[in-house]
Amino acid sequence: MMTSVGCLVVVASLAAEPGRYKPPKPSPELGAATIQLVKAVENGDERISRRAMKALIALGPYAEAAVPALQRIVEEKAEQWDAIRALGAIGPAAKGAVPSLVRSLGRYRESDYAKDALIKIGPSAAAVPSLATLLMSDNGRHSVEKWSVRRNTIVVLGSYGAAAKPAIPLLINFLGDDQPEDQRVWQSAKQSLAELGDDAAPFLADALGDKTRKKDLRVRIAAILWGIRPQAKEVVWALRSAIKDEDEDVRVIAAAALKRIEAKSTHDP
């Protein structure tokens, strides 16, 4: 049986030379070693703390015992990028830290790291209302910071699958952003809605049929439907209506989407 000291040696080696050593199997000793690494992170010596944090990142899901401490670090100190990375590396077992990571997602300098961590941890239906609130908030940020946080929030929601259903109408609204600084926001919304696929299709069909929506938004909706080829009746009806639209761009893309969906239906068993 491996001692706590032995676990620490393996962990340090793993952090120093990723890929060379296989992670140890979960055990009480490994849990104890993880706690020792957490203490080393909080040691106060920057060099020791940094090396211990890299070891936790390298341990990934084997460092589950560190989640409460890592969450506390993220909550109490700004810009704790390695702690955020460690929570992401732990994966689904770090779900308890999702509320803290959502708050980090809203902070510009932490947002990219928090986005990656939230995606690695996986869908959390409980986090969707907070993500939707964050999406609508600018908190007085400069536009570059605001759009970056929004893009990252949209990407996280796109990775959530069916859990993100309550936020789909909000994502559709962001398809209509057409200012130059908004371009990457609507592109992210388009990609996320495409990833949500059939879960998003009924909402997209409703929005496509809403003639009060801006032309650009409706063209982008038709393009998403072309890509995901949903076969729900309401989608087919919305596209058939859209091919009679007064706007040529909407008509052309809707016709292409409808043709693609009908071709898929013909070839599917």
Protein backbone atom coordinates (compact mmCIF):
# COMPACT_ATOMS: atom_id res chain seq x y z
CA MET A 1 0.00 0.00 0.00
CA MET A 2 1.38 3.39 -1.00
CA THR A 3 2.19 5.82 1.83
CA SER A 4 1.18 9.47 1.76
CA VAL A 5 4.79 10.37 1.10
CA GLY A 6 4.90 7.87 -1.76
CA CYS A 7 1.78 9.36 -3.26
CA LEU A 8 3.31 12.81 -3.07
CA VAL A 9 6.40 11.59 -4.89
CA VAL A 10 4.29 10.07 -7.67
CA VAL A 11 2.20 13.22 -7.89
CA ALA A 12 5.25 15.45 -8.08
CA SER A 13 6.71 13.26 -10.82
CA LEU A 14 3.43 13.31 -12.68
CA ALA A 15 3.31 17.09 -12.56
CA ALA A 16 6.92 17.43 -13.65
CA GLU A 17 6.73 14.95 -16.53
CA PRO A 18 3.11 14.50 -17.72
CA GLY A 19 2.49 11.25 -19.53
CA ARG A 20 5.45 9.38 -18.06
CA TYR A 21 3.70 8.09 -14.95
CA LYS A 22 0.25 6.55 -14.58
CA PRO A 23 -1.85 8.16 -11.84
CA PRO A 24 -2.14 6.08 -8.66
CA LYS A 25 -5.42 4.31 -7.90
CA PRO A 26 -7.81 6.08 -5.52
CA SER A 27 -7.13 5.12 -1.92
CA PRO A 28 -7.27 6.60 1.59
CA GLU A 29 -3.55 7.30 1.28
CA LEU A 30 -4.08 9.21 -1.95
CA GLY A 31 -6.82 11.25 -0.30
CA ALA A 32 -4.46 12.06 2.56
CA ALA A 33 -1.72 12.98 0.10
CA THR A 34 -4.12 15.28 -1.73
CA ILE A 35 -4.90 17.07 1.52
CA GLN A 36 -1.15 17.49 2.08
CA LEU A 37 -0.88 19.03 -1.38
CA VAL A 38 -3.68 21.44 -0.48
CA LYS A 39 -1.75 22.43 2.65
CA ALA A 40 1.31 22.95 0.48
CA VAL A 41 -0.73 25.19 -1.83
CA GLU A 42 -1.70 27.29 1.19
CA ASN A 43 1.85 27.17 2.56
CA GLY A 44 2.64 30.79 1.77
CA ASP A 45 5.85 29.95 -0.09
CA GLU A 46 5.08 30.87 -3.70
CA ARG A 47 7.42 28.26 -5.22
CA ILE A 48 6.05 25.40 -3.10
CA SER A 49 2.49 26.57 -3.62
CA ARG A 50 2.90 26.71 -7.39
CA ARG A 51 4.43 23.22 -7.60
CA ALA A 52 1.73 21.74 -5.36
CA MET A 53 -1.01 23.31 -7.49
CA LYS A 54 0.55 21.88 -10.66
CA ALA A 55 0.54 18.48 -8.98
CA LEU A 56 -3.18 18.82 -8.22
CA ILE A 57 -3.83 19.75 -11.84
CA ALA A 58 -1.85 16.70 -12.97
CA LEU A 59 -3.82 14.42 -10.63
CA GLY A 60 -7.08 15.52 -12.25
CA PRO A 61 -10.04 13.42 -11.03
CA TYR A 62 -7.83 11.75 -8.40
CA ALA A 63 -7.67 15.10 -6.55
CA GLU A 64 -11.38 15.12 -5.67
CA ALA A 65 -10.57 15.63 -1.98
CA ALA A 66 -9.13 19.05 -2.86
CA VAL A 67 -12.40 20.46 -4.24
CA PRO A 68 -13.55 22.35 -1.08
CA ALA A 69 -10.15 23.98 -0.64
CA LEU A 70 -9.82 24.87 -4.33
CA GLN A 71 -13.31 26.35 -4.28
CA ARG A 72 -12.40 28.42 -1.24
CA ILE A 73 -9.27 29.69 -2.98
CA VAL A 74 -11.27 30.71 -6.06
CA GLU A 75 -13.85 32.44 -3.86
CA GLU A 76 -11.43 34.33 -1.62
CA LYS A 77 -8.74 35.46 -4.06
CA ALA A 78 -8.98 36.99 -7.52
CA GLU A 79 -7.26 35.57 -10.58
CA GLN A 80 -6.52 32.12 -9.14
CA TRP A 81 -6.13 30.62 -12.60
CA ASP A 82 -4.39 27.42 -11.51
CA ALA A 83 -7.06 26.69 -8.89
CA ILE A 84 -9.71 27.10 -11.60
CA ARG A 85 -7.73 24.81 -13.90
CA ALA A 86 -7.43 22.22 -11.12
CA LEU A 87 -11.20 22.19 -10.59
CA GLY A 88 -11.69 21.68 -14.32
CA ALA A 89 -9.14 18.86 -14.33
CA ILE A 90 -11.02 17.11 -11.52
CA GLY A 91 -14.07 17.06 -13.78
CA PRO A 92 -17.63 16.04 -12.77
CA ALA A 93 -16.59 15.40 -9.17
CA ALA A 94 -16.03 19.18 -8.84
CA LYS A 95 -19.72 19.99 -9.47
CA GLY A 96 -19.99 21.54 -6.03
CA ALA A 97 -17.66 24.31 -7.20
CA VAL A 98 -19.84 25.28 -10.18
CA PRO A 99 -21.42 28.35 -8.48
CA SER A 100 -17.95 29.70 -7.71
CA LEU A 101 -16.80 29.03 -11.27
CA VAL A 102 -19.85 30.83 -12.69
CA ARG A 103 -18.81 33.87 -10.67
CA SER A 104 -15.28 33.52 -12.09
CA LEU A 105 -16.81 33.28 -15.57
CA GLY A 106 -18.18 36.77 -15.02
CA ARG A 107 -14.74 38.18 -14.23
CA TYR A 108 -12.95 39.11 -17.43
CA ARG A 109 -9.44 38.00 -16.42
CA GLU A 110 -10.71 34.63 -15.14
CA SER A 111 -13.43 34.06 -17.71
CA ASP A 112 -11.54 31.92 -20.24
CA TYR A 113 -10.25 29.57 -17.53
CA ALA A 114 -13.68 29.30 -15.90
CA LYS A 115 -15.31 28.53 -19.27
CA ASP A 116 -12.92 25.61 -19.84
CA ALA A 117 -13.42 24.33 -16.29
CA LEU A 118 -17.22 24.47 -16.48
CA ILE A 119 -17.22 22.57 -19.77
CA LYS A 120 -14.95 19.87 -18.32
CA ILE A 121 -17.10 19.51 -15.20
CA GLY A 122 -20.18 19.07 -17.38
CA PRO A 123 -23.81 20.19 -17.51
CA SER A 124 -25.44 21.63 -14.42
CA ALA A 125 -29.14 22.47 -14.74
CA ALA A 126 -28.92 24.34 -11.45
CA ALA A 127 -26.34 26.72 -12.95
CA VAL A 128 -28.41 27.69 -16.00
CA PRO A 129 -30.38 30.53 -14.30
CA SER A 130 -27.13 32.08 -13.06
CA LEU A 131 -25.56 31.73 -16.50
CA ALA A 132 -28.62 33.39 -18.07
CA THR A 133 -28.38 36.26 -15.59
CA LEU A 134 -24.68 36.64 -16.34
CA LEU A 135 -25.43 36.70 -20.05
CA MET A 136 -27.74 39.68 -19.61
CA SER A 137 -25.48 41.62 -17.23
CA ASP A 138 -22.70 43.99 -18.19
CA ASN A 139 -21.78 45.13 -14.62
CA GLY A 140 -20.37 48.35 -16.03
CA ARG A 141 -17.63 46.52 -17.92
CA HIS A 142 -15.93 47.94 -20.98
CA SER A 143 -17.36 46.52 -24.19
CA VAL A 144 -14.39 44.21 -24.87
CA GLU A 145 -14.73 42.64 -21.43
CA LYS A 146 -18.52 42.42 -21.70
CA TRP A 147 -18.48 40.68 -25.08
CA SER A 148 -15.74 38.28 -23.98
CA VAL A 149 -17.72 37.23 -20.89
CA ARG A 150 -20.86 36.86 -22.99
CA ARG A 151 -19.11 34.72 -25.57
CA ASN A 152 -17.73 32.43 -22.90
CA THR A 153 -21.13 32.14 -21.18
CA ILE A 154 -22.79 31.27 -24.50
CA VAL A 155 -20.16 28.60 -25.18
CA VAL A 156 -20.75 27.02 -21.76
CA LEU A 157 -24.52 26.93 -22.34
CA GLY A 158 -23.94 25.35 -25.75
CA SER A 159 -22.04 22.52 -24.06
CA TYR A 160 -24.89 21.82 -21.61
CA GLY A 161 -27.24 20.03 -24.00
CA ALA A 162 -30.81 19.53 -22.79
CA ALA A 163 -29.96 21.16 -19.44
CA ALA A 164 -29.65 24.51 -21.25
CA LYS A 165 -33.23 24.46 -22.63
CA PRO A 166 -34.46 27.32 -20.39
CA ALA A 167 -31.76 29.58 -21.86
CA ILE A 168 -32.38 28.78 -25.54
CA PRO A 169 -34.71 31.78 -26.20
CA LEU A 170 -32.03 34.04 -24.76
CA LEU A 171 -29.37 32.50 -27.01
CA ILE A 172 -31.64 33.10 -30.00
CA ASN A 173 -31.91 36.77 -29.07
CA PHE A 174 -28.14 37.08 -29.27
CA LEU A 175 -28.25 35.91 -32.88
CA GLY A 176 -29.56 39.39 -33.70
CA ASP A 177 -26.50 41.27 -32.46
CA ASP A 178 -25.13 42.96 -35.55
CA GLN A 179 -22.76 45.65 -34.31
CA PRO A 180 -19.09 45.03 -35.29
CA GLU A 181 -18.09 44.35 -31.68
CA ASP A 182 -20.98 41.88 -31.36
CA GLN A 183 -19.97 39.68 -34.29
CA ARG A 184 -18.20 37.06 -32.23
CA VAL A 185 -21.14 37.02 -29.79
CA TRP A 186 -23.73 36.09 -32.42
CA GLN A 187 -21.29 33.66 -34.02
CA SER A 188 -20.87 31.95 -30.64
CA ALA A 189 -24.65 31.90 -30.19
CA LYS A 190 -25.05 30.35 -33.63
CA GLN A 191 -22.50 27.65 -32.84
CA SER A 192 -24.02 26.90 -29.43
CA LEU A 193 -27.53 26.61 -30.85
CA ALA A 194 -26.22 24.28 -33.55
CA GLU A 195 -24.62 22.13 -30.83
CA LEU A 196 -27.92 22.04 -28.92
CA GLY A 197 -29.44 20.58 -32.11
CA ASP A 198 -32.89 19.06 -31.74
CA ASP A 199 -33.32 20.61 -28.28
CA ALA A 200 -33.11 24.06 -29.89
CA ALA A 201 -35.09 23.26 -33.05
CA PRO A 202 -38.64 24.06 -31.81
CA PHE A 203 -37.47 27.40 -30.38
CA LEU A 204 -35.69 28.22 -33.64
CA ALA A 205 -38.81 27.37 -35.63
CA ASP A 206 -40.92 29.74 -33.51
CA ALA A 207 -38.39 32.56 -33.93
CA LEU A 208 -38.12 31.97 -37.69
CA GLY A 209 -41.87 32.42 -38.04
CA ASP A 210 -41.85 35.67 -36.05
CA LYS A 211 -41.90 38.41 -38.72
CA THR A 212 -41.17 41.06 -36.07
CA ARG A 213 -37.66 39.63 -35.71
CA LYS A 214 -34.79 41.28 -37.57
CA LYS A 215 -33.91 39.90 -40.96
CA ASP A 216 -30.32 39.03 -39.98
CA LEU A 217 -31.52 36.99 -37.03
CA ARG A 218 -34.01 35.05 -39.15
CA VAL A 219 -31.39 34.36 -41.84
CA ARG A 220 -29.05 32.99 -39.17
CA ILE A 221 -31.83 30.81 -37.76
CA ALA A 222 -32.49 29.33 -41.20
CA ALA A 223 -28.76 28.68 -41.57
CA ILE A 224 -28.68 26.81 -38.23
CA LEU A 225 -31.66 24.69 -39.27
CA TRP A 226 -29.88 23.93 -42.54
CA GLY A 227 -26.94 22.64 -40.51
CA ILE A 228 -28.73 20.51 -37.91
CA ARG A 229 -31.48 19.19 -40.24
CA PRO A 230 -34.13 18.61 -37.54
CA GLN A 231 -37.20 16.72 -38.73
CA ALA A 232 -39.78 17.96 -36.23
CA LYS A 233 -43.04 18.91 -37.93
CA GLU A 234 -43.02 22.44 -36.53
CA VAL A 235 -39.60 23.04 -38.10
CA VAL A 236 -40.74 21.82 -41.51
CA TRP A 237 -43.86 24.00 -41.31
CA ALA A 238 -41.80 27.06 -40.31
CA LEU A 239 -39.40 26.54 -43.21
CA ARG A 240 -42.25 26.06 -45.69
CA SER A 241 -43.67 29.35 -44.50
CA ALA A 242 -40.25 31.03 -44.70
CA ILE A 243 -39.75 30.12 -48.36
CA LYS A 244 -42.60 32.58 -49.04
CA ASP A 245 -40.96 35.30 -46.95
CA GLU A 246 -40.71 38.80 -48.39
CA ASP A 247 -36.94 38.80 -47.84
CA GLU A 248 -34.92 37.00 -50.51
CA ASP A 249 -32.09 35.90 -48.19
CA VAL A 250 -34.56 34.27 -45.80
CA ARG A 251 -36.33 32.54 -48.71
CA VAL A 252 -33.10 31.17 -50.21
CA ILE A 253 -31.65 29.74 -47.01
CA ALA A 254 -35.02 28.40 -45.82
CA ALA A 255 -35.48 26.61 -49.16
CA ALA A 256 -32.00 25.09 -48.89
CA ALA A 257 -32.68 23.95 -45.31
CA LEU A 258 -36.02 22.44 -46.25
CA LYS A 259 -34.50 20.58 -49.20
CA ARG A 260 -31.75 19.18 -46.97
CA ILE A 261 -34.23 18.06 -44.30
CA GLU A 262 -36.48 16.39 -46.87
CA ALA A 263 -33.48 14.64 -48.43
CA LYS A 264 -32.49 13.31 -45.02
CA SER A 265 -36.03 12.09 -44.42
CA THR A 266 -36.01 10.26 -47.76
CA HIS A 267 -32.73 8.48 -47.07
CA ASP A 268 -33.31 7.64 -43.41
CA PRO A 269 -34.77 4.15 -42.81
